[in-house]
Amino acid sequence: MNIPFLRQILVASSPQLAAISVGGAIGFPSVLLEQLKTNDSSIQLEMELSTWIGSSHGFAGIPSILMPTLMQWKGRKMSYFISCLFIFIGWLLIYFSENVITIIIGECFQGLGNNSLVVATFNSLSEMLDPKFRIIAMSIYINNEALGVSVASIIGRYLHWKTVSIAMSIPITLALIIGFLWPESPSWLAYKGDYVKCEEAFLWLRGSSEDSQKELKELLRAQKEMYIANRKSKVTLKKLGTQITSRDFYMPLFQSFVILCSVYGSGILVVIVYGIDMMQKATKNSSATHFGMIIIFVSIYLGSLVSIFLMKFFKNKTVYMTSGIFAATFMLGASVVTFLQSVSVVSEESLLCLFFIIFFVASTSMGISTTGYCLAAEVMPVKHRGLGGATYIIQVCILHSVILKFSPYLILYMNLWATFMLFSVIEYVCMIYVWKNVPETKGRTLQEIEDFYNHGRFVTRSGEIEEECLARE
């Protein structure tokens, strides 16, 4: 029996369970908004507060930029545990809430926990699992998040929102229990200079095979060299200014923003959270809307599964752009249909818009909703991942909140067809920019990506290039 493998499965299972609760928190606002607007609800909901229910996750997640600092200070295990605890507290507050304000506070805990957990999970998995299992574990995390969105949204059509909150708190509770059984990350222990405990944790996780012993020696050697280098280096405002104004920082930073704009600006989150109201407005058919939303949430999960296979056989940028173009086209189709309905050319009860939205969600889930986040993170060179990681989190949180906060007002004042048209235009513009400017990252080393931003193209690292890079440093 391969004991180290089973131990790695134990470590990896905790984030996978947590991901279900994270996805549940993303899909839960749609359940709340549907049920709190009914006449028999004990909690009355106004439009202003309803937009905060949909958008509070993003703004609340901004403080998670401190998570990398906490991880370096207290370790990966403690940071992961705190992230899960925030999510659990959020579900608990929502269950016991008697008013909208308490619900929003609970969602703020979830938003902070969700965004912190991504950082803590990916760092922990990358440092504690065997290299051949790391990408698989991270891909499954994204799929389980999509599973959580689908499960919470579907059972919310049949169960009370408090029952849904209890159901979605079960995976994060199990994740917390399993998290207690984790060892600390060997990489962090080595970073702190505790080499004895580092070796013990590494051998517990990875066993004592020849490959494991070799990786352990490399880990210890690299961390000892880094410890010496860190003692000699100092962070100054001049160095920070040089970093911010360097081409290989601000160019990938802007491109990361455009990629994330294509994810959030596509309208996928708006459909997840406000889909019931939108489809009811477009079809005037409550039963068709109910069934259509179930298909939409199933499509989210199935699409994320398909994306894994597509990323294996095709380039990341190809999958991303194909998905984005189809998504923008289907959203444009929904815009045209709703416009024709507004001028009485198409019947108000037509289901055409619903079909276009279903195809839109399927297209989005098979590409930009999964590869978009990966591509946006990959374009940032390793040497800028500290500051770049913080700006990445800020971009995700702000875009998440802004799109969900203002979309109901866009629908109210611009009409549904104009809102769909805006999403489509944003997506097309982003696709054109990415096609012309963003490099393909699959199969490229981190150094090759950095060279692309320094020289405007992928280059062969000849002696001339090496001398230029050394001179720049």
Protein backbone atom coordinates (compact mmCIF):
# COMPACT_ATOMS: atom_id res chain seq x y z
CA MET A 1 0.00 0.00 0.00
CA ASN A 2 1.33 3.41 -1.00
CA ILE A 3 1.01 5.26 2.33
CA PRO A 4 2.53 8.61 1.15
CA PHE A 5 0.05 8.70 -1.74
CA LEU A 6 -2.86 8.16 0.66
CA ARG A 7 -1.55 10.94 2.88
CA GLN A 8 -1.40 13.30 -0.08
CA ILE A 9 -4.99 12.31 -0.95
CA LEU A 10 -5.93 13.22 2.63
CA VAL A 11 -4.30 16.64 2.30
CA ALA A 12 -5.86 17.29 -1.11
CA SER A 13 -9.36 16.19 -0.05
CA SER A 14 -9.79 19.06 2.39
CA PRO A 15 -9.55 21.88 -0.22
CA GLN A 16 -11.81 19.91 -2.58
CA LEU A 17 -14.53 19.81 0.07
CA ALA A 18 -13.98 23.48 0.87
CA ALA A 19 -14.33 24.33 -2.84
CA ILE A 20 -17.91 23.01 -2.81
CA SER A 21 -18.82 25.47 -0.05
CA VAL A 22 -16.99 28.26 -1.92
CA GLY A 23 -19.04 27.57 -5.04
CA GLY A 24 -22.18 27.34 -2.92
CA ALA A 25 -21.49 30.84 -1.58
CA ILE A 26 -21.17 32.15 -5.17
CA GLY A 27 -24.49 30.64 -6.25
CA PHE A 28 -26.34 31.29 -2.98
CA PRO A 29 -27.32 34.95 -3.71
CA SER A 30 -29.57 33.73 -6.53
CA VAL A 31 -31.40 31.52 -4.01
CA LEU A 32 -31.75 34.39 -1.55
CA LEU A 33 -32.96 36.89 -4.12
CA GLU A 34 -35.60 34.48 -5.43
CA GLN A 35 -36.97 33.44 -2.04
CA LEU A 36 -36.79 36.79 -0.22
CA LYS A 37 -38.91 38.45 -2.91
CA THR A 38 -41.85 36.12 -2.28
CA ASN A 39 -44.84 37.44 -0.36
CA ASP A 40 -44.54 34.86 2.44
CA SER A 41 -40.91 35.78 3.26
CA SER A 42 -40.38 37.10 6.80
CA ILE A 43 -37.51 39.29 5.52
CA GLN A 44 -38.46 42.14 3.22
CA LEU A 45 -36.02 42.99 0.46
CA GLU A 46 -35.51 46.35 -1.28
CA MET A 47 -33.60 46.81 -4.55
CA GLU A 48 -30.64 48.63 -2.96
CA LEU A 49 -30.10 45.83 -0.43
CA SER A 50 -30.64 43.16 -3.09
CA THR A 51 -27.70 44.54 -5.09
CA TRP A 52 -25.51 44.28 -1.97
CA ILE A 53 -26.55 40.64 -1.50
CA GLY A 54 -25.23 39.96 -4.98
CA SER A 55 -22.06 42.07 -4.81
CA SER A 56 -20.77 42.01 -1.21
CA HIS A 57 -18.49 39.01 -1.81
CA GLY A 58 -16.09 40.99 -3.97
CA PHE A 59 -15.59 44.07 -1.81
CA ALA A 60 -15.26 41.91 1.32
CA GLY A 61 -12.51 39.89 -0.36
CA ILE A 62 -10.12 42.83 -0.84
CA PRO A 63 -8.42 42.36 2.60
CA SER A 64 -7.39 38.88 1.42
CA ILE A 65 -4.39 40.59 -0.23
CA LEU A 66 -2.86 40.20 3.25
CA MET A 67 -3.13 36.41 3.02
CA PRO A 68 0.35 35.91 1.44
CA THR A 69 1.84 37.91 4.34
CA LEU A 70 -0.07 35.80 6.88
CA MET A 71 1.08 32.64 5.13
CA GLN A 72 4.72 33.68 5.41
CA TRP A 73 4.25 34.68 9.07
CA LYS A 74 2.08 31.87 10.49
CA GLY A 75 2.40 29.15 7.89
CA ARG A 76 0.19 27.48 5.29
CA LYS A 77 -1.81 25.29 7.69
CA MET A 78 -2.91 28.14 9.95
CA SER A 79 -3.76 30.39 6.96
CA TYR A 80 -5.82 27.64 5.35
CA PHE A 81 -7.66 26.99 8.62
CA ILE A 82 -8.48 30.69 9.11
CA SER A 83 -9.80 30.94 5.53
CA CYS A 84 -12.11 27.95 6.07
CA LEU A 85 -13.23 29.35 9.42
CA PHE A 86 -14.32 32.63 7.80
CA ILE A 87 -16.49 30.69 5.34
CA PHE A 88 -17.99 28.55 8.11
CA ILE A 89 -18.82 31.64 10.20
CA GLY A 90 -20.46 33.17 7.13
CA TRP A 91 -22.80 30.20 6.67
CA LEU A 92 -23.56 30.20 10.41
CA LEU A 93 -24.47 33.91 10.43
CA ILE A 94 -26.71 33.47 7.38
CA TYR A 95 -28.55 30.55 8.99
CA PHE A 96 -29.32 32.48 12.19
CA SER A 97 -30.02 35.80 10.45
CA GLU A 98 -33.38 37.51 10.90
CA ASN A 99 -32.71 40.50 8.65
CA VAL A 100 -30.93 41.42 5.42
CA ILE A 101 -28.05 43.22 7.16
CA THR A 102 -27.02 40.05 9.02
CA ILE A 103 -27.20 38.09 5.76
CA ILE A 104 -24.88 40.61 4.08
CA ILE A 105 -22.45 40.44 7.03
CA GLY A 106 -22.43 36.65 6.65
CA GLU A 107 -21.72 37.04 2.94
CA CYS A 108 -18.84 39.40 3.77
CA PHE A 109 -17.26 36.66 5.88
CA GLN A 110 -17.74 34.29 2.96
CA GLY A 111 -16.21 36.74 0.49
CA LEU A 112 -13.13 37.22 2.65
CA GLY A 113 -12.83 33.47 3.23
CA ASN A 114 -13.40 32.52 -0.42
CA ASN A 115 -10.72 34.84 -1.78
CA SER A 116 -8.26 33.97 0.99
CA LEU A 117 -8.85 30.25 0.50
CA VAL A 118 -7.83 30.34 -3.16
CA VAL A 119 -4.43 31.78 -2.23
CA ALA A 120 -3.94 29.44 0.73
CA THR A 121 -5.11 26.35 -1.15
CA PHE A 122 -3.06 26.77 -4.32
CA ASN A 123 0.10 27.55 -2.36
CA SER A 124 -0.44 24.60 -0.02
CA LEU A 125 -1.21 22.10 -2.78
CA SER A 126 1.75 23.24 -4.90
CA GLU A 127 4.14 22.78 -1.96
CA MET A 128 2.76 19.58 -0.38
CA LEU A 129 1.77 17.35 -3.30
CA ASP A 130 3.87 15.41 -5.75
CA PRO A 131 4.42 17.48 -8.95
CA LYS A 132 2.42 15.04 -11.09
CA PHE A 133 -0.65 15.49 -8.85
CA ARG A 134 -0.53 19.28 -8.41
CA ILE A 135 -2.20 20.42 -11.63
CA ILE A 136 -4.85 17.70 -11.28
CA ALA A 137 -5.67 18.79 -7.73
CA MET A 138 -5.94 22.46 -8.74
CA SER A 139 -8.15 21.63 -11.72
CA ILE A 140 -10.46 19.53 -9.53
CA TYR A 141 -10.69 22.46 -7.09
CA ILE A 142 -12.09 24.68 -9.85
CA ASN A 143 -14.52 21.94 -10.90
CA ASN A 144 -15.73 21.42 -7.34
CA GLU A 145 -16.32 25.15 -7.07
CA ALA A 146 -18.54 24.90 -10.16
CA LEU A 147 -20.23 21.88 -8.56
CA GLY A 148 -20.99 23.97 -5.47
CA VAL A 149 -22.53 26.74 -7.59
CA SER A 150 -24.76 24.20 -9.34
CA VAL A 151 -25.80 22.26 -6.23
CA ALA A 152 -26.65 25.33 -4.14
CA SER A 153 -28.59 26.94 -6.97
CA ILE A 154 -30.56 23.80 -7.87
CA ILE A 155 -31.52 22.68 -4.34
CA GLY A 156 -32.42 26.30 -3.64
CA ARG A 157 -35.28 25.90 -6.11
CA TYR A 158 -36.84 23.30 -3.77
CA LEU A 159 -35.51 23.93 -0.22
CA HIS A 160 -35.68 26.94 2.10
CA TRP A 161 -32.59 29.16 1.96
CA LYS A 162 -31.73 28.36 5.60
CA THR A 163 -31.75 24.66 4.78
CA VAL A 164 -29.45 25.34 1.83
CA SER A 165 -27.05 27.24 4.10
CA ILE A 166 -26.86 24.25 6.46
CA ALA A 167 -26.26 21.87 3.53
CA MET A 168 -23.48 24.08 2.13
CA SER A 169 -21.81 24.38 5.56
CA ILE A 170 -21.27 20.60 5.77
CA PRO A 171 -18.38 20.43 3.23
CA ILE A 172 -16.49 23.31 4.88
CA THR A 173 -16.96 21.69 8.30
CA LEU A 174 -15.42 18.44 7.01
CA ALA A 175 -12.63 20.47 5.38
CA LEU A 176 -11.83 22.08 8.75
CA ILE A 177 -11.71 18.68 10.50
CA ILE A 178 -9.40 17.19 7.86
CA GLY A 179 -7.28 20.37 7.93
CA PHE A 180 -6.42 19.62 11.57
CA LEU A 181 -4.69 16.43 10.34
CA TRP A 182 -2.40 18.29 7.93
CA PRO A 183 1.32 18.62 8.56
CA GLU A 184 2.83 22.04 8.02
CA SER A 185 4.21 22.76 4.56
CA PRO A 186 7.83 21.52 4.26
CA SER A 187 8.65 24.56 2.11
CA TRP A 188 7.47 26.97 4.82
CA LEU A 189 9.34 25.09 7.54
CA ALA A 190 12.50 25.31 5.44
CA TYR A 191 11.80 29.01 4.80
CA LYS A 192 11.68 29.54 8.57
CA GLY A 193 14.94 27.64 9.03
CA ASP A 194 13.40 24.66 10.83
CA TYR A 195 15.11 22.08 8.66
CA VAL A 196 14.53 19.10 10.99
CA LYS A 197 10.75 19.54 11.00
CA CYS A 198 10.89 20.25 7.27
CA GLU A 199 12.48 16.87 6.62
CA GLU A 200 9.99 15.10 8.89
CA ALA A 201 6.98 16.71 7.19
CA PHE A 202 8.36 16.08 3.71
CA LEU A 203 9.02 12.40 4.37
CA TRP A 204 5.56 12.00 5.95
CA LEU A 205 3.97 13.42 2.82
CA ARG A 206 6.18 12.08 0.07
CA GLY A 207 7.91 9.01 1.45
CA SER A 208 11.62 8.18 1.26
CA SER A 209 11.99 7.16 -2.39
CA GLU A 210 15.03 8.23 -4.38
CA ASP A 211 13.09 10.96 -6.20
CA SER A 212 11.67 12.27 -2.91
CA GLN A 213 15.12 12.38 -1.29
CA LYS A 214 16.48 14.27 -4.28
CA GLU A 215 13.62 16.81 -4.19
CA LEU A 216 14.09 17.27 -0.43
CA LYS A 217 17.79 18.05 -0.88
CA GLU A 218 17.00 20.57 -3.61
CA LEU A 219 14.34 22.18 -1.41
CA LEU A 220 16.70 22.57 1.53
CA ARG A 221 19.51 23.89 -0.65
CA ALA A 222 17.28 26.47 -2.37
CA GLN A 223 15.75 27.69 0.90
CA LYS A 224 19.15 28.08 2.55
CA GLU A 225 20.38 30.16 -0.40
CA MET A 226 17.20 32.26 -0.32
CA TYR A 227 17.57 32.81 3.44
CA ILE A 228 21.07 34.18 2.94
CA ALA A 229 19.96 36.36 0.01
CA ASN A 230 17.00 37.78 1.96
CA ARG A 231 19.26 38.83 4.81
CA LYS A 232 21.34 40.92 2.40
CA SER A 233 18.49 42.50 0.43
CA LYS A 234 16.34 45.43 1.52
CA VAL A 235 13.07 46.69 0.08
CA THR A 236 13.29 50.40 -0.80
CA LEU A 237 10.93 52.87 -2.48
CA LYS A 238 13.40 53.14 -5.33
CA LYS A 239 13.27 49.38 -5.94
CA LEU A 240 9.48 49.43 -5.71
CA GLY A 241 9.30 52.29 -8.23
CA THR A 242 11.63 50.45 -10.59
CA GLN A 243 9.45 47.35 -10.33
CA ILE A 244 6.19 49.19 -11.02
CA THR A 245 7.59 51.03 -14.06
CA SER A 246 9.26 48.00 -15.61
CA ARG A 247 7.65 46.73 -18.82
CA ASP A 248 7.51 43.15 -17.56
CA PHE A 249 5.28 44.34 -14.67
CA TYR A 250 2.86 46.92 -16.04
CA MET A 251 2.22 45.17 -19.36
CA PRO A 252 1.18 41.79 -17.88
CA LEU A 253 -0.71 43.69 -15.17
CA PHE A 254 -2.84 45.47 -17.80
CA GLN A 255 -3.29 42.30 -19.83
CA SER A 256 -4.35 40.43 -16.70
CA PHE A 257 -6.97 43.13 -16.14
CA VAL A 258 -8.30 42.76 -19.69
CA ILE A 259 -8.53 38.97 -19.32
CA LEU A 260 -10.41 39.30 -16.03
CA CYS A 261 -12.68 41.93 -17.62
CA SER A 262 -13.59 39.36 -20.26
CA VAL A 263 -14.58 36.89 -17.51
CA TYR A 264 -16.70 39.27 -15.45
CA GLY A 265 -17.77 41.53 -18.32
CA SER A 266 -19.17 38.55 -20.20
CA GLY A 267 -22.15 38.59 -17.84
CA ILE A 268 -21.80 35.03 -16.53
CA LEU A 269 -21.97 36.08 -12.87
CA VAL A 270 -24.96 38.29 -13.62
CA VAL A 271 -26.78 35.31 -15.11
CA ILE A 272 -25.90 33.14 -12.09
CA VAL A 273 -27.10 35.67 -9.51
CA TYR A 274 -29.90 37.54 -11.31
CA GLY A 275 -30.84 34.91 -13.89
CA ILE A 276 -34.32 34.19 -12.51
CA ASP A 277 -35.47 37.80 -12.80
CA MET A 278 -33.80 38.26 -16.19
CA MET A 279 -35.33 35.15 -17.72
CA GLN A 280 -38.73 35.88 -16.23
CA LYS A 281 -38.58 39.34 -17.79
CA ALA A 282 -37.50 37.87 -21.15
CA THR A 283 -39.95 34.94 -21.37
CA LYS A 284 -42.93 35.83 -19.14
CA ASN A 285 -43.01 32.08 -18.40
CA SER A 286 -42.20 31.09 -14.81
CA SER A 287 -42.20 27.31 -15.37
CA ALA A 288 -39.88 27.56 -18.40
CA THR A 289 -37.62 29.93 -16.45
CA HIS A 290 -37.49 27.52 -13.52
CA PHE A 291 -36.53 24.56 -15.73
CA GLY A 292 -34.16 26.67 -17.82
CA MET A 293 -32.22 27.86 -14.77
CA ILE A 294 -31.70 24.25 -13.67
CA ILE A 295 -30.25 23.50 -17.12
CA ILE A 296 -28.03 26.58 -16.79
CA PHE A 297 -26.60 25.47 -13.44
CA VAL A 298 -26.01 21.92 -14.70
CA SER A 299 -24.25 23.42 -17.74
CA ILE A 300 -21.89 25.34 -15.45
CA TYR A 301 -20.59 22.13 -13.89
CA LEU A 302 -20.52 20.03 -17.06
CA GLY A 303 -18.80 22.85 -18.94
CA SER A 304 -16.05 23.07 -16.33
CA LEU A 305 -15.44 19.33 -16.72
CA VAL A 306 -15.22 19.62 -20.50
CA SER A 307 -12.75 22.51 -20.16
CA ILE A 308 -10.20 20.21 -18.47
CA PHE A 309 -10.11 17.95 -21.52
CA LEU A 310 -10.01 20.89 -23.91
CA MET A 311 -7.04 22.41 -22.05
CA LYS A 312 -5.24 19.08 -22.28
CA PHE A 313 -5.52 18.80 -26.07
CA PHE A 314 -5.54 22.46 -27.16
CA LYS A 315 -3.61 25.59 -26.28
CA ASN A 316 -4.89 27.67 -23.37
CA LYS A 317 -5.36 30.79 -25.47
CA THR A 318 -7.20 28.81 -28.17
CA VAL A 319 -9.68 27.39 -25.65
CA TYR A 320 -10.09 30.78 -24.01
CA MET A 321 -10.71 32.71 -27.25
CA THR A 322 -13.00 30.12 -28.82
CA SER A 323 -15.09 30.10 -25.67
CA GLY A 324 -15.16 33.91 -25.52
CA ILE A 325 -16.19 34.38 -29.15
CA PHE A 326 -19.03 31.86 -28.87
CA ALA A 327 -20.14 33.36 -25.54
CA ALA A 328 -20.19 36.90 -26.99
CA THR A 329 -22.12 35.70 -30.06
CA PHE A 330 -24.78 33.91 -28.02
CA MET A 331 -25.11 36.94 -25.73
CA LEU A 332 -25.52 39.11 -28.84
CA GLY A 333 -28.25 36.74 -30.00
CA ALA A 334 -30.02 37.16 -26.63
CA SER A 335 -29.76 40.93 -27.09
CA VAL A 336 -31.30 40.83 -30.56
CA VAL A 337 -34.17 38.60 -29.41
CA THR A 338 -35.03 40.79 -26.40
CA PHE A 339 -34.86 43.91 -28.59
CA LEU A 340 -37.28 42.35 -31.09
CA GLN A 341 -39.54 41.47 -28.16
CA SER A 342 -39.44 45.10 -26.98
CA VAL A 343 -40.72 46.30 -30.39
CA SER A 344 -43.31 43.48 -30.60
CA VAL A 345 -41.67 41.69 -33.54
CA VAL A 346 -41.12 38.57 -31.44
CA SER A 347 -43.68 37.37 -28.90
CA GLU A 348 -43.05 38.37 -25.28
CA GLU A 349 -43.50 34.71 -24.31
CA SER A 350 -40.88 33.45 -26.76
CA LEU A 351 -38.25 31.11 -25.26
CA LEU A 352 -35.55 32.08 -27.77
CA CYS A 353 -33.72 34.29 -25.26
CA LEU A 354 -33.62 31.43 -22.74
CA PHE A 355 -32.02 29.13 -25.33
CA PHE A 356 -29.41 31.75 -26.20
CA ILE A 357 -28.55 32.22 -22.51
CA ILE A 358 -28.21 28.47 -21.97
CA PHE A 359 -25.77 28.23 -24.90
CA PHE A 360 -23.98 31.32 -23.59
CA VAL A 361 -23.45 29.74 -20.16
CA ALA A 362 -22.27 26.46 -21.69
CA SER A 363 -19.76 28.32 -23.90
CA THR A 364 -18.50 30.42 -21.01
CA SER A 365 -18.08 27.44 -18.68
CA MET A 366 -16.00 25.54 -21.24
CA GLY A 367 -13.36 28.24 -21.49
CA ILE A 368 -13.21 31.77 -20.15
CA SER A 369 -14.64 30.90 -16.72
CA THR A 370 -11.81 28.41 -16.15
CA THR A 371 -8.88 29.30 -18.40
CA GLY A 372 -9.40 33.04 -17.86
CA TYR A 373 -8.26 32.96 -14.24
CA CYS A 374 -5.30 30.71 -15.06
CA LEU A 375 -4.20 32.81 -18.05
CA ALA A 376 -4.48 36.05 -16.05
CA ALA A 377 -2.25 34.59 -13.33
CA GLU A 378 0.28 32.97 -15.68
CA VAL A 379 1.20 36.13 -17.60
CA MET A 380 2.72 37.76 -14.50
CA PRO A 381 6.48 36.93 -14.29
CA VAL A 382 7.61 35.07 -11.16
CA LYS A 383 9.76 37.92 -9.82
CA HIS A 384 6.64 40.15 -9.65
CA ARG A 385 4.27 37.53 -8.20
CA GLY A 386 4.26 39.22 -4.75
CA LEU A 387 2.97 42.65 -5.81
CA GLY A 388 1.34 41.16 -8.89
CA GLY A 389 -0.57 38.65 -6.77
CA ALA A 390 -1.94 41.45 -4.58
CA THR A 391 -3.13 43.45 -7.60
CA TYR A 392 -4.66 40.27 -9.07
CA ILE A 393 -6.79 39.78 -5.95
CA ILE A 394 -7.86 43.44 -5.97
CA GLN A 395 -8.87 43.24 -9.64
CA VAL A 396 -10.92 40.07 -9.07
CA CYS A 397 -12.70 41.49 -6.02
CA ILE A 398 -13.53 44.88 -7.55
CA LEU A 399 -14.70 43.46 -10.89
CA HIS A 400 -16.83 40.87 -9.07
CA SER A 401 -18.60 43.51 -6.99
CA VAL A 402 -18.93 46.24 -9.61
CA ILE A 403 -20.55 44.00 -12.22
CA LEU A 404 -23.06 42.55 -9.71
CA LYS A 405 -23.75 45.88 -7.98
CA PHE A 406 -24.61 47.88 -11.10
CA SER A 407 -26.14 45.25 -13.42
CA PRO A 408 -29.65 45.52 -11.89
CA TYR A 409 -29.55 49.28 -12.51
CA LEU A 410 -28.37 48.72 -16.09
CA ILE A 411 -31.30 46.38 -16.67
CA LEU A 412 -33.70 48.86 -15.07
CA TYR A 413 -32.58 52.00 -16.89
CA MET A 414 -31.05 50.64 -20.15
CA ASN A 415 -33.45 47.74 -20.68
CA LEU A 416 -32.50 44.07 -20.84
CA TRP A 417 -31.50 44.03 -24.52
CA ALA A 418 -29.07 46.95 -24.08
CA THR A 419 -27.46 45.27 -21.06
CA PHE A 420 -26.96 42.07 -23.06
CA MET A 421 -25.52 44.14 -25.91
CA LEU A 422 -23.06 45.82 -23.51
CA PHE A 423 -21.84 42.43 -22.23
CA SER A 424 -21.38 41.21 -25.80
CA VAL A 425 -19.41 44.31 -26.86
CA ILE A 426 -17.13 44.07 -23.81
CA GLU A 427 -16.41 40.45 -24.64
CA TYR A 428 -15.64 41.09 -28.31
CA VAL A 429 -13.30 43.99 -27.45
CA CYS A 430 -11.44 41.87 -24.88
CA MET A 431 -11.12 38.98 -27.33
CA ILE A 432 -9.61 41.25 -30.00
CA TYR A 433 -7.08 42.65 -27.55
CA VAL A 434 -6.10 39.23 -26.21
CA TRP A 435 -5.78 37.82 -29.73
CA LYS A 436 -3.38 40.58 -30.78
CA ASN A 437 -1.34 41.12 -27.60
CA VAL A 438 -1.46 38.31 -25.02
CA PRO A 439 1.06 35.47 -25.48
CA GLU A 440 0.25 31.78 -25.43
CA THR A 441 1.49 30.42 -22.07
CA LYS A 442 1.02 26.69 -22.55
CA GLY A 443 4.36 24.94 -23.03
CA ARG A 444 6.27 28.14 -22.27
CA THR A 445 8.68 28.38 -19.37
CA LEU A 446 8.32 31.20 -16.85
CA GLN A 447 11.53 32.70 -18.22
CA GLU A 448 10.17 32.69 -21.78
CA ILE A 449 7.04 34.55 -20.62
CA GLU A 450 9.23 37.15 -18.88
CA ASP A 451 11.34 37.54 -22.04
CA PHE A 452 8.17 38.14 -24.06
CA TYR A 453 7.32 41.21 -22.01
CA ASN A 454 10.89 42.48 -21.98
CA HIS A 455 11.46 42.11 -25.73
CA GLY A 456 7.93 42.10 -27.19
CA ARG A 457 8.31 38.55 -28.52
CA PHE A 458 9.47 35.08 -27.53
CA VAL A 459 13.23 34.89 -27.97
CA THR A 460 15.98 32.29 -27.99
CA ARG A 461 18.13 32.93 -24.97
CA SER A 462 21.36 33.45 -26.86
CA GLY A 463 24.44 35.00 -25.33
CA GLU A 464 23.29 38.45 -26.46
CA ILE A 465 19.96 38.10 -24.67
CA GLU A 466 21.64 36.76 -21.55
CA GLU A 467 23.98 39.77 -21.47
CA GLU A 468 21.04 42.15 -21.94
CA CYS A 469 19.12 40.52 -19.08
CA LEU A 470 22.15 40.66 -16.79
CA ALA A 471 22.73 44.33 -17.66
CA ARG A 472 19.09 45.13 -16.85
CA GLU A 473 19.39 43.40 -13.47
